[in-house]
Amino acid sequence: MSIRESTLLYLIVFLLSCFITHRADCKLNHNRKLAAIALSLAAVFIPSLLAGMRGDSVGRDVLMYAVRTFEYAGRSDTFASLRNISTEPFGYTGLAFISSRFSKDAGFFLFTSQLMVICPVYVVAYKKRNEFPMWITMCVYLFVFYNNSLNIMKQSISAAFLLLCYVYINDKDYIKASIAFAVGMSFHSSAAIGLVFILFSLLLCAIKNNAAKISLSMFLLIIMINIETISKFLVSHGLLPEKYSRNIYAVFDMSQNVYLRIIGFNSHVFFDWIFRALLVLMPIIFLNRLRLKTDDNVTNLALIGLIFYTYVLVLFKTVYGNRISLYCDYFLIMLVPQLKNVFRNNLIAERVSVNAFIVGILGFYWYVWVMLFGFSASNYYTFRVDFGTLISRIF
């Protein structure tokens, strides 16, 4: 498909999912739970179906990880035998094994993988619906993270469950928080780093003494400055996933033109950084100026993600830092929707204007970064099957 056709397809799916989510929210407000559940299932099913119907070229890692793992699963009689031949994480191989029992097509595995990302995001939208509309939460995910999840599937699942883990921690539901963290870890062991970020933010917010807060912030800064030493220590002790281990030394060896190295001025990366900064700082500045109550942890985590990404980008000339900052970046899903509280929403025209502003800025970022710059290699969408051939076979 061309860029124009692909853009139209994605937009239809995104806006349809957001609209259905809005209708589900309305049904919940009127206590029509069965209708809300049905609509919610449709809202997560549609973008997941699009992910499952995509060809193997939509997303750089599809062939290397998803298709390969699914093929191993299809050839394995037991889960234990699959674990013997696959180096992928426990959760990912488990999902592949279960998916292979229902279908011989890897597209079903791609479908279930997206479900594992979007479902925890939808639960977060549901649990936070009294603070901001569910559809805006979904809108942020779809325009900012959906296409990336078609590429880095394992870590996207992990980041989504870490976001849900935080929500359960905030609700003091530690059993569900532990389960969410365990699921995230089973798909990508770097989830442990995401949990460290969360715990650090919780500790920072819990401390009332400003001197202690500064000391704790300085401690985090020292860790960031020594990120090369810490990363190599984790690699040498086998504490990082396979892909991290393969690329970590290359990232820190500035003499090599290697994975994700930035040579000279890169307009693509500059645009991405500018919009990352806007998506983080704009809600914080507006909300603080109007003295509106916000979750300090969400603000802190989004800022930590931006600072970490910027630090690695400037010091090591690589965007590889986003593989760690992703756990913080996902908190934009809870930060950006709060922009709606900045504007007065008394009149229908005001509500429409606010909604158009939020969708517009997210859509602009998505269109330029994903569709024009080709982030995650998902801008040229292709279907797994030729529908003309399929229909002719059926009839």
Protein backbone atom coordinates (compact mmCIF):
# COMPACT_ATOMS: atom_id res chain seq x y z
CA MET A 1 0.00 0.00 0.00
CA SER A 2 1.11 3.58 -0.61
CA ILE A 3 1.76 6.07 2.19
CA ARG A 4 -1.58 7.75 1.45
CA GLU A 5 -3.51 4.47 1.60
CA SER A 6 -1.64 3.31 4.69
CA THR A 7 -2.24 6.64 6.45
CA LEU A 8 -5.95 6.45 5.68
CA LEU A 9 -6.17 2.87 6.94
CA TYR A 10 -4.40 3.64 10.22
CA LEU A 11 -6.47 6.79 10.74
CA ILE A 12 -9.75 4.95 10.23
CA VAL A 13 -8.74 2.30 12.75
CA PHE A 14 -7.43 4.81 15.31
CA LEU A 15 -10.43 7.12 15.14
CA LEU A 16 -12.90 4.23 15.10
CA SER A 17 -11.28 2.69 18.17
CA CYS A 18 -11.33 6.06 19.97
CA PHE A 19 -14.98 6.66 19.05
CA ILE A 20 -16.02 3.20 20.27
CA THR A 21 -14.05 3.78 23.49
CA HIS A 22 -15.94 7.05 23.95
CA ARG A 23 -19.24 5.24 23.51
CA ALA A 24 -18.15 2.60 26.04
CA ASP A 25 -17.34 5.39 28.50
CA CYS A 26 -20.79 6.88 27.97
CA LYS A 27 -22.43 3.50 28.62
CA LEU A 28 -20.44 3.17 31.86
CA ASN A 29 -21.66 6.60 32.95
CA HIS A 30 -25.23 5.39 32.43
CA ASN A 31 -24.50 2.11 34.24
CA ARG A 32 -25.06 -0.01 31.12
CA LYS A 33 -22.23 -2.42 31.83
CA LEU A 34 -23.01 -5.12 29.26
CA ALA A 35 -23.07 -2.58 26.44
CA ALA A 36 -19.86 -1.02 27.78
CA ILE A 37 -18.12 -4.40 27.84
CA ALA A 38 -19.20 -5.19 24.27
CA LEU A 39 -17.98 -1.81 23.03
CA SER A 40 -14.73 -2.15 24.95
CA LEU A 41 -14.04 -5.51 23.34
CA ALA A 42 -14.59 -3.92 19.93
CA ALA A 43 -12.32 -0.98 20.81
CA VAL A 44 -9.34 -3.25 21.57
CA PHE A 45 -10.19 -5.85 18.93
CA ILE A 46 -10.08 -3.53 15.91
CA PRO A 47 -6.48 -2.22 16.29
CA SER A 48 -5.35 -5.70 17.39
CA LEU A 49 -6.89 -7.17 14.24
CA LEU A 50 -5.01 -4.62 12.13
CA ALA A 51 -1.79 -5.70 13.85
CA GLY A 52 -2.59 -9.36 13.18
CA MET A 53 -3.46 -8.84 9.51
CA ARG A 54 -0.19 -7.06 8.71
CA GLY A 55 2.47 -8.56 6.52
CA ASP A 56 5.82 -9.66 7.92
CA SER A 57 7.49 -6.50 6.56
CA VAL A 58 5.41 -4.16 8.77
CA GLY A 59 7.78 -3.73 11.70
CA ARG A 60 11.52 -4.44 11.61
CA ASP A 61 11.50 -7.20 14.22
CA VAL A 62 8.56 -9.25 12.95
CA LEU A 63 10.57 -11.78 10.96
CA MET A 64 13.47 -11.92 13.38
CA TYR A 65 11.45 -12.52 16.54
CA ALA A 66 7.72 -13.04 16.04
CA VAL A 67 7.67 -15.30 12.97
CA ARG A 68 10.73 -17.26 14.07
CA THR A 69 9.34 -17.90 17.55
CA PHE A 70 5.93 -18.85 16.18
CA GLU A 71 7.50 -21.32 13.74
CA TYR A 72 9.46 -22.89 16.59
CA ALA A 73 6.22 -23.14 18.58
CA GLY A 74 4.41 -24.79 15.68
CA ARG A 75 7.12 -27.47 15.45
CA SER A 76 7.13 -28.12 19.20
CA ASP A 77 4.88 -30.74 20.76
CA THR A 78 5.30 -29.38 24.27
CA PHE A 79 6.12 -26.03 25.82
CA ALA A 80 9.22 -27.56 27.40
CA SER A 81 10.56 -28.57 23.99
CA LEU A 82 9.91 -25.04 22.71
CA ARG A 83 11.88 -23.60 25.62
CA ASN A 84 14.80 -25.84 24.68
CA ILE A 85 15.11 -24.38 21.17
CA SER A 86 14.06 -20.77 21.74
CA THR A 87 16.02 -18.10 23.59
CA GLU A 88 13.04 -15.76 23.81
CA PRO A 89 11.56 -14.81 27.22
CA PHE A 90 9.20 -17.15 29.04
CA GLY A 91 6.08 -15.04 28.48
CA TYR A 92 6.73 -14.48 24.80
CA THR A 93 7.37 -18.16 24.06
CA GLY A 94 4.30 -19.04 26.12
CA LEU A 95 2.12 -16.69 24.09
CA ALA A 96 3.60 -18.07 20.87
CA PHE A 97 2.97 -21.66 21.99
CA ILE A 98 -0.66 -20.97 22.93
CA SER A 99 -1.25 -19.03 19.70
CA SER A 100 0.20 -21.87 17.62
CA ARG A 101 -2.37 -24.25 19.10
CA PHE A 102 -5.18 -22.14 17.61
CA SER A 103 -3.73 -21.18 14.25
CA LYS A 104 -0.97 -22.12 11.84
CA ASP A 105 -0.63 -18.51 10.66
CA ALA A 106 1.81 -16.22 12.49
CA GLY A 107 -0.73 -13.42 12.02
CA PHE A 108 -2.71 -14.84 14.94
CA PHE A 109 0.40 -14.49 17.12
CA LEU A 110 0.80 -10.88 15.97
CA PHE A 111 -2.86 -10.33 16.87
CA THR A 112 -2.50 -11.77 20.39
CA SER A 113 0.75 -9.85 20.91
CA GLN A 114 -1.05 -6.56 20.24
CA LEU A 115 -3.88 -7.61 22.54
CA MET A 116 -1.29 -8.04 25.28
CA VAL A 117 -0.24 -4.42 24.80
CA ILE A 118 -3.57 -2.71 24.31
CA CYS A 119 -5.55 -4.53 27.02
CA PRO A 120 -3.52 -3.19 29.99
CA VAL A 121 -3.60 0.27 28.40
CA TYR A 122 -7.39 0.00 28.17
CA VAL A 123 -7.62 -1.09 31.80
CA VAL A 124 -5.61 2.02 32.75
CA ALA A 125 -8.03 4.13 30.68
CA TYR A 126 -10.95 2.51 32.52
CA LYS A 127 -9.45 3.01 35.98
CA LYS A 128 -8.60 6.67 35.25
CA ARG A 129 -11.88 7.54 33.52
CA ASN A 130 -12.95 9.84 36.38
CA GLU A 131 -9.85 11.99 35.82
CA PHE A 132 -9.91 12.17 32.02
CA PRO A 133 -11.97 10.55 29.23
CA MET A 134 -11.07 7.01 28.26
CA TRP A 135 -10.92 7.82 24.57
CA ILE A 136 -8.10 10.37 25.06
CA THR A 137 -6.00 7.74 26.85
CA MET A 138 -6.51 5.41 23.91
CA CYS A 139 -5.80 8.25 21.50
CA VAL A 140 -2.37 8.88 23.08
CA TYR A 141 -1.49 5.19 22.92
CA LEU A 142 -2.60 4.76 19.32
CA PHE A 143 -0.91 7.85 17.89
CA VAL A 144 2.29 7.73 19.97
CA PHE A 145 2.95 4.06 20.72
CA TYR A 146 0.85 1.78 18.51
CA ASN A 147 3.13 1.71 15.45
CA ASN A 148 6.20 1.25 17.63
CA SER A 149 4.50 -1.74 19.25
CA LEU A 150 4.32 -3.36 15.80
CA ASN A 151 8.11 -3.45 15.94
CA ILE A 152 9.32 -3.82 19.55
CA MET A 153 6.53 -6.20 20.53
CA LYS A 154 8.02 -7.82 23.62
CA GLN A 155 9.08 -4.62 25.31
CA SER A 156 5.82 -2.88 24.42
CA ILE A 157 3.92 -5.60 26.27
CA SER A 158 6.32 -5.20 29.18
CA ALA A 159 5.95 -1.39 29.26
CA ALA A 160 2.15 -1.59 29.11
CA PHE A 161 2.05 -3.96 32.08
CA LEU A 162 4.50 -1.75 34.01
CA LEU A 163 2.10 1.16 33.48
CA LEU A 164 -0.73 -1.00 34.83
CA CYS A 165 1.54 -2.10 37.68
CA TYR A 166 1.96 1.53 38.73
CA VAL A 167 -1.80 2.13 38.68
CA TYR A 168 -2.31 -0.87 40.98
CA ILE A 169 0.50 0.34 43.27
CA ASN A 170 -1.19 3.73 43.42
CA ASP A 171 -4.45 1.97 44.36
CA LYS A 172 -2.53 -0.02 47.03
CA ASP A 173 -3.58 -3.24 45.30
CA TYR A 174 -0.18 -4.86 45.67
CA ILE A 175 -1.23 -8.37 44.65
CA LYS A 176 -2.45 -7.20 41.22
CA ALA A 177 0.59 -4.92 40.97
CA SER A 178 2.88 -7.91 41.55
CA ILE A 179 1.04 -9.95 38.93
CA ALA A 180 1.27 -7.11 36.39
CA PHE A 181 5.01 -6.74 37.10
CA ALA A 182 5.56 -10.51 36.80
CA VAL A 183 3.81 -10.55 33.41
CA GLY A 184 5.92 -7.61 32.25
CA MET A 185 9.13 -9.32 33.40
CA SER A 186 8.16 -12.53 31.61
CA PHE A 187 8.13 -10.67 28.28
CA HIS A 188 11.19 -8.48 28.79
CA SER A 189 13.54 -8.62 31.77
CA SER A 190 14.38 -4.93 31.39
CA ALA A 191 11.02 -4.37 33.11
CA ALA A 192 13.08 -4.48 36.29
CA ILE A 193 14.65 -1.18 35.23
CA GLY A 194 11.17 0.25 34.70
CA LEU A 195 10.20 -0.81 38.22
CA VAL A 196 13.32 0.91 39.59
CA PHE A 197 12.18 4.14 37.91
CA ILE A 198 8.71 3.76 39.44
CA LEU A 199 10.03 3.04 42.94
CA PHE A 200 12.47 5.94 42.68
CA SER A 201 9.63 8.31 41.80
CA LEU A 202 7.43 6.98 44.61
CA LEU A 203 10.29 7.47 47.09
CA LEU A 204 10.98 10.96 45.77
CA CYS A 205 7.33 11.96 46.22
CA ALA A 206 7.17 10.40 49.68
CA ILE A 207 10.13 12.42 50.97
CA LYS A 208 9.06 15.76 52.42
CA ASN A 209 12.55 17.11 53.11
CA ASN A 210 13.84 19.14 50.15
CA ALA A 211 17.49 18.39 50.98
CA ALA A 212 16.75 14.66 50.91
CA LYS A 213 14.96 15.05 47.57
CA ILE A 214 17.99 16.82 46.11
CA SER A 215 20.30 14.09 47.43
CA LEU A 216 18.12 11.38 45.89
CA SER A 217 18.00 13.23 42.56
CA MET A 218 21.80 13.57 42.63
CA PHE A 219 22.04 9.83 43.22
CA LEU A 220 19.96 9.19 40.08
CA LEU A 221 22.19 11.63 38.17
CA ILE A 222 25.31 9.74 39.29
CA ILE A 223 23.74 6.50 38.05
CA MET A 224 23.01 8.08 34.68
CA ILE A 225 26.57 9.41 34.38
CA ASN A 226 27.87 5.90 34.98
CA ILE A 227 25.36 4.26 32.63
CA GLU A 228 28.15 2.73 30.51
CA THR A 229 29.76 0.99 33.50
CA ILE A 230 26.42 -0.19 34.85
CA SER A 231 25.27 -1.47 31.45
CA LYS A 232 28.46 -3.46 30.88
CA PHE A 233 28.15 -4.92 34.38
CA LEU A 234 24.58 -6.05 33.61
CA VAL A 235 25.71 -7.54 30.29
CA SER A 236 28.64 -9.43 31.84
CA HIS A 237 26.29 -11.00 34.41
CA GLY A 238 23.63 -11.93 31.85
CA LEU A 239 21.03 -9.56 33.33
CA LEU A 240 19.98 -7.91 30.07
CA PRO A 241 17.95 -9.42 27.21
CA GLU A 242 19.66 -10.92 24.17
CA LYS A 243 19.28 -7.89 21.91
CA TYR A 244 20.58 -5.51 24.59
CA SER A 245 23.65 -7.70 25.07
CA ARG A 246 24.40 -7.74 21.34
CA ASN A 247 24.24 -3.96 20.98
CA ILE A 248 25.41 -2.55 24.29
CA TYR A 249 29.16 -2.51 23.56
CA ALA A 250 28.56 -1.14 20.08
CA VAL A 251 26.51 1.74 21.52
CA PHE A 252 29.33 2.78 23.84
CA ASP A 253 32.10 2.35 21.26
CA MET A 254 32.02 5.75 19.56
CA SER A 255 34.52 4.64 16.90
CA GLN A 256 31.95 2.34 15.29
CA ASN A 257 29.21 3.35 12.89
CA VAL A 258 26.74 0.88 14.31
CA TYR A 259 23.21 0.25 15.49
CA LEU A 260 21.20 3.49 15.74
CA ARG A 261 24.32 5.70 15.69
CA ILE A 262 23.60 9.33 14.78
CA ILE A 263 26.11 10.85 12.35
CA GLY A 264 26.00 14.65 12.18
CA PHE A 265 22.70 16.51 12.40
CA ASN A 266 19.70 14.22 11.93
CA SER A 267 16.45 16.08 11.25
CA HIS A 268 14.37 12.99 12.02
CA VAL A 269 15.81 12.58 15.49
CA PHE A 270 15.67 16.33 16.14
CA PHE A 271 11.97 16.40 15.27
CA ASP A 272 11.32 13.41 17.53
CA TRP A 273 13.17 15.04 20.44
CA ILE A 274 11.29 18.33 20.04
CA PHE A 275 7.94 16.59 20.13
CA ARG A 276 8.97 14.33 23.01
CA ALA A 277 9.85 17.47 24.96
CA LEU A 278 6.56 19.14 24.01
CA LEU A 279 4.45 16.11 24.98
CA VAL A 280 6.18 15.99 28.37
CA LEU A 281 6.63 19.68 29.20
CA MET A 282 3.45 21.19 27.76
CA PRO A 283 1.03 19.40 30.16
CA ILE A 284 3.39 19.99 33.11
CA ILE A 285 3.76 23.72 32.45
CA PHE A 286 0.06 24.35 31.80
CA LEU A 287 -1.13 22.29 34.76
CA ASN A 288 1.36 23.86 37.18
CA ARG A 289 0.58 27.37 35.98
CA LEU A 290 -3.12 26.83 36.64
CA ARG A 291 -2.31 24.98 39.89
CA LEU A 292 -4.35 21.98 38.87
CA LYS A 293 -3.83 18.84 40.91
CA THR A 294 -1.76 16.19 39.14
CA ASP A 295 -0.10 12.89 39.99
CA ASP A 296 3.49 13.88 40.78
CA ASN A 297 4.72 10.37 40.03
CA VAL A 298 3.37 10.51 36.48
CA THR A 299 5.06 13.88 35.98
CA ASN A 300 8.35 12.68 37.47
CA LEU A 301 8.45 9.51 35.39
CA ALA A 302 7.72 11.32 32.13
CA LEU A 303 10.51 13.80 32.95
CA ILE A 304 12.95 11.02 33.87
CA GLY A 305 12.26 9.36 30.52
CA LEU A 306 12.94 12.57 28.61
CA ILE A 307 16.13 13.32 30.59
CA PHE A 308 17.47 9.78 30.19
CA TYR A 309 16.76 9.70 26.46
CA THR A 310 18.36 13.12 25.99
CA TYR A 311 21.43 12.16 28.03
CA VAL A 312 22.16 9.01 26.01
CA LEU A 313 21.39 10.83 22.74
CA VAL A 314 23.80 13.70 23.45
CA LEU A 315 26.60 11.72 25.09
CA PHE A 316 26.64 8.60 22.91
CA LYS A 317 25.02 9.94 19.70
CA THR A 318 22.43 7.18 19.62
CA VAL A 319 18.66 6.88 20.08
CA TYR A 320 19.13 3.48 21.71
CA GLY A 321 18.32 5.10 25.04
CA ASN A 322 14.64 4.94 24.10
CA ARG A 323 14.73 1.20 24.77
CA ILE A 324 15.15 2.07 28.45
CA SER A 325 13.20 5.33 28.57
CA LEU A 326 10.20 3.52 27.01
CA TYR A 327 9.09 2.47 30.50
CA CYS A 328 8.88 6.14 31.45
CA ASP A 329 7.59 7.27 28.06
CA TYR A 330 4.46 5.13 28.51
CA PHE A 331 3.43 7.46 31.33
CA LEU A 332 2.58 10.00 28.65
CA ILE A 333 -0.55 7.86 28.31
CA MET A 334 -1.58 9.26 31.70
CA LEU A 335 0.05 12.70 31.43
CA VAL A 336 -1.08 14.04 28.04
CA PRO A 337 -4.84 13.42 28.66
CA GLN A 338 -4.65 15.87 31.57
CA LEU A 339 -4.30 18.65 29.01
CA LYS A 340 -8.08 18.43 28.73
CA ASN A 341 -8.34 19.83 32.26
CA VAL A 342 -6.40 22.94 31.25
CA PHE A 343 -9.22 24.24 29.08
CA ARG A 344 -12.75 25.10 30.05
CA ASN A 345 -15.20 22.58 28.66
CA ASN A 346 -18.51 24.24 29.50
CA LEU A 347 -19.78 24.64 25.96
CA ILE A 348 -19.99 22.05 23.20
CA ALA A 349 -17.88 24.27 20.92
CA GLU A 350 -15.17 24.45 23.61
CA ARG A 351 -15.16 20.68 24.04
CA VAL A 352 -14.86 20.15 20.31
CA SER A 353 -11.99 22.66 20.11
CA VAL A 354 -10.09 21.02 22.98
CA ASN A 355 -10.57 17.54 21.56
CA ALA A 356 -9.50 18.71 18.09
CA PHE A 357 -6.38 20.33 19.58
CA ILE A 358 -5.30 17.16 21.41
CA VAL A 359 -6.03 14.85 18.47
CA GLY A 360 -4.41 17.33 16.08
CA ILE A 361 -1.09 17.59 17.91
CA LEU A 362 -0.90 13.82 18.41
CA GLY A 363 -1.90 13.18 14.81
CA PHE A 364 0.70 15.62 13.50
CA TYR A 365 3.45 13.89 15.50
CA TRP A 366 2.30 10.48 14.31
CA TYR A 367 1.98 11.51 10.65
CA VAL A 368 5.43 13.11 10.44
CA TRP A 369 7.39 10.71 12.64
CA VAL A 370 5.72 7.41 11.76
CA MET A 371 4.30 7.87 8.28
CA LEU A 372 6.77 10.30 6.65
CA PHE A 373 9.98 9.45 8.52
CA GLY A 374 9.11 5.75 8.64
CA PHE A 375 9.73 5.13 12.35
CA SER A 376 9.55 1.37 13.14
CA ALA A 377 9.17 0.58 9.42
CA SER A 378 5.39 0.36 9.67
CA ASN A 379 4.41 3.26 7.41
CA TYR A 380 3.90 1.09 4.32
CA TYR A 381 1.16 -1.23 5.51
CA THR A 382 0.69 -4.56 3.73
CA PHE A 383 -1.85 -7.30 4.38
CA ARG A 384 -0.81 -10.86 5.06
CA VAL A 385 -3.17 -12.19 2.42
CA ASP A 386 -4.28 -11.14 -1.03
CA PHE A 387 -8.00 -10.60 -0.45
CA GLY A 388 -8.81 -11.02 -4.12
CA THR A 389 -7.19 -14.45 -4.13
CA LEU A 390 -8.82 -15.33 -0.81
CA ILE A 391 -12.32 -14.44 -2.01
CA SER A 392 -11.83 -16.40 -5.24
CA ARG A 393 -10.83 -19.46 -3.22
CA ILE A 394 -13.91 -19.17 -1.01
CA PHE A 395 -16.38 -18.75 -3.87
